[in-house]
Amino acid sequence: MAFTEIEAARIQGALADFLETRRPPENIRAEFDIGFRVDGQSVVIFEIRRSGHEPGTIIEGAVAKATYVRGTGRWKIYWQPADRKWHAYQLQPEALIFEEFLALVDEDKEHCFWG
């Protein structure tokens, strides 16, 4: 089940605020940027880079993922190590609100999200 219009608007607003503080300066965004996508009940934050080996190719690198579990009213938090599979973020596997997830990603105490 997708997010309601109100939930989607709140998530989009929180992401816009988050990205405003994390995105690189405009003059380098063609080479490196940060984006997100909403897929069902999940939100994925990713880095966007130009390939150094294949001109014109864009590479996305996963940063973090949060999946809303409507039954519990909590967000499950994931990170993606070198095996390129999503793993529960052990330091805090769940968040009560979406903004709490964004704060964890921003702080990145264990260097799991931003490397």
Protein backbone atom coordinates (compact mmCIF):
# COMPACT_ATOMS: atom_id res chain seq x y z
CA MET A 1 0.00 0.00 0.00
CA ALA A 2 1.41 3.36 -1.03
CA PHE A 3 1.62 6.36 1.25
CA THR A 4 -1.43 8.57 1.64
CA GLU A 5 -1.23 12.03 0.05
CA ILE A 6 -0.63 13.60 3.47
CA GLU A 7 2.11 11.08 4.34
CA ALA A 8 3.76 11.52 0.94
CA ALA A 9 3.73 15.32 1.28
CA ARG A 10 5.29 15.14 4.76
CA ILE A 11 7.98 12.72 3.54
CA GLN A 12 8.73 14.85 0.47
CA GLY A 13 9.04 17.97 2.63
CA ALA A 14 11.38 16.26 5.10
CA LEU A 15 13.49 14.92 2.23
CA ALA A 16 13.67 18.35 0.58
CA ASP A 17 14.96 19.86 3.84
CA PHE A 18 17.44 17.00 4.31
CA LEU A 19 18.77 17.20 0.75
CA GLU A 20 19.13 20.97 0.96
CA THR A 21 21.70 20.51 3.74
CA ARG A 22 23.47 17.46 2.20
CA ARG A 23 23.63 18.21 -1.53
CA PRO A 24 26.90 19.50 -2.97
CA PRO A 25 27.19 23.01 -4.44
CA GLU A 26 25.24 23.52 -7.67
CA ASN A 27 28.37 23.86 -9.79
CA ILE A 28 29.36 20.20 -9.18
CA ARG A 29 25.92 18.56 -9.17
CA ALA A 30 26.36 17.45 -12.78
CA GLU A 31 29.25 15.27 -11.56
CA PHE A 32 27.98 14.32 -8.09
CA ASP A 33 24.62 14.73 -6.40
CA ILE A 34 22.24 13.09 -3.95
CA GLY A 35 18.73 11.90 -4.74
CA PHE A 36 15.93 9.73 -3.47
CA ARG A 37 13.10 7.57 -4.68
CA VAL A 38 9.91 6.36 -3.08
CA ASP A 39 9.05 2.75 -3.86
CA GLY A 40 5.87 1.52 -2.21
CA GLN A 41 6.41 1.87 1.54
CA SER A 42 10.17 2.44 1.19
CA VAL A 43 12.30 5.53 0.69
CA VAL A 44 15.82 5.09 -0.70
CA ILE A 45 18.48 7.80 -0.54
CA PHE A 46 21.31 7.45 -3.06
CA GLU A 47 24.37 9.19 -4.46
CA ILE A 48 24.48 10.04 -8.16
CA ARG A 49 27.87 10.06 -9.93
CA ARG A 50 29.14 10.15 -13.46
CA SER A 51 31.08 7.06 -14.41
CA GLY A 52 34.81 7.61 -14.75
CA HIS A 53 35.05 4.68 -17.15
CA GLU A 54 32.01 5.14 -19.38
CA PRO A 55 31.33 8.76 -20.43
CA GLY A 56 27.67 9.68 -20.20
CA THR A 57 26.88 6.84 -17.80
CA ILE A 58 25.33 7.72 -14.46
CA ILE A 59 25.95 5.51 -11.44
CA GLU A 60 23.71 5.41 -8.39
CA GLY A 61 25.16 4.29 -5.08
CA ALA A 62 22.79 3.39 -2.25
CA VAL A 63 23.13 5.41 0.95
CA ALA A 64 20.18 4.39 3.14
CA LYS A 65 16.69 2.94 3.04
CA ALA A 66 13.70 3.29 5.34
CA THR A 67 10.62 1.09 5.05
CA TYR A 68 7.43 2.04 6.81
CA VAL A 69 5.64 -0.83 8.54
CA ARG A 70 2.07 0.33 8.90
CA GLY A 71 1.19 -2.41 11.39
CA THR A 72 3.75 -1.17 13.93
CA GLY A 73 3.82 2.49 12.88
CA ARG A 74 7.62 2.35 12.71
CA TRP A 75 10.28 2.84 10.07
CA LYS A 76 12.78 0.01 9.57
CA ILE A 77 16.24 1.37 8.76
CA TYR A 78 18.71 -0.27 6.36
CA TRP A 79 22.17 0.34 4.98
CA GLN A 80 24.00 -1.31 2.07
CA PRO A 81 27.58 -2.52 2.53
CA ALA A 82 29.89 -3.82 -0.19
CA ASP A 83 27.75 -6.94 -0.78
CA ARG A 84 25.08 -4.57 -2.22
CA LYS A 85 22.33 -6.15 -0.09
CA TRP A 86 20.22 -4.22 2.38
CA HIS A 87 21.04 -4.92 6.04
CA ALA A 88 19.28 -3.70 9.17
CA TYR A 89 21.11 -0.77 10.72
CA GLN A 90 22.19 -2.41 13.97
CA LEU A 91 22.83 0.80 15.93
CA GLN A 92 19.12 1.67 15.64
CA PRO A 93 17.09 -0.68 13.44
CA GLU A 94 13.85 1.31 13.72
CA ALA A 95 12.63 4.89 13.99
CA LEU A 96 9.31 6.21 15.25
CA ILE A 97 9.14 9.04 12.72
CA PHE A 98 10.68 9.58 9.30
CA GLU A 99 12.66 12.62 10.43
CA GLU A 100 14.40 10.43 13.03
CA PHE A 101 15.62 8.20 10.19
CA LEU A 102 16.96 11.24 8.32
CA ALA A 103 18.76 12.46 11.46
CA LEU A 104 20.47 9.05 11.84
CA VAL A 105 21.59 9.10 8.20
CA ASP A 106 22.86 12.65 8.55
CA GLU A 107 24.80 11.90 11.76
CA ASP A 108 26.08 8.51 10.51
CA LYS A 109 27.83 7.55 13.78
CA GLU A 110 29.07 4.21 12.43
CA HIS A 111 29.99 5.48 8.93
CA CYS A 112 27.60 3.00 7.39
CA PHE A 113 25.64 5.40 5.20
CA TRP A 114 28.16 7.86 3.80
CA GLY A 115 31.27 5.66 4.06
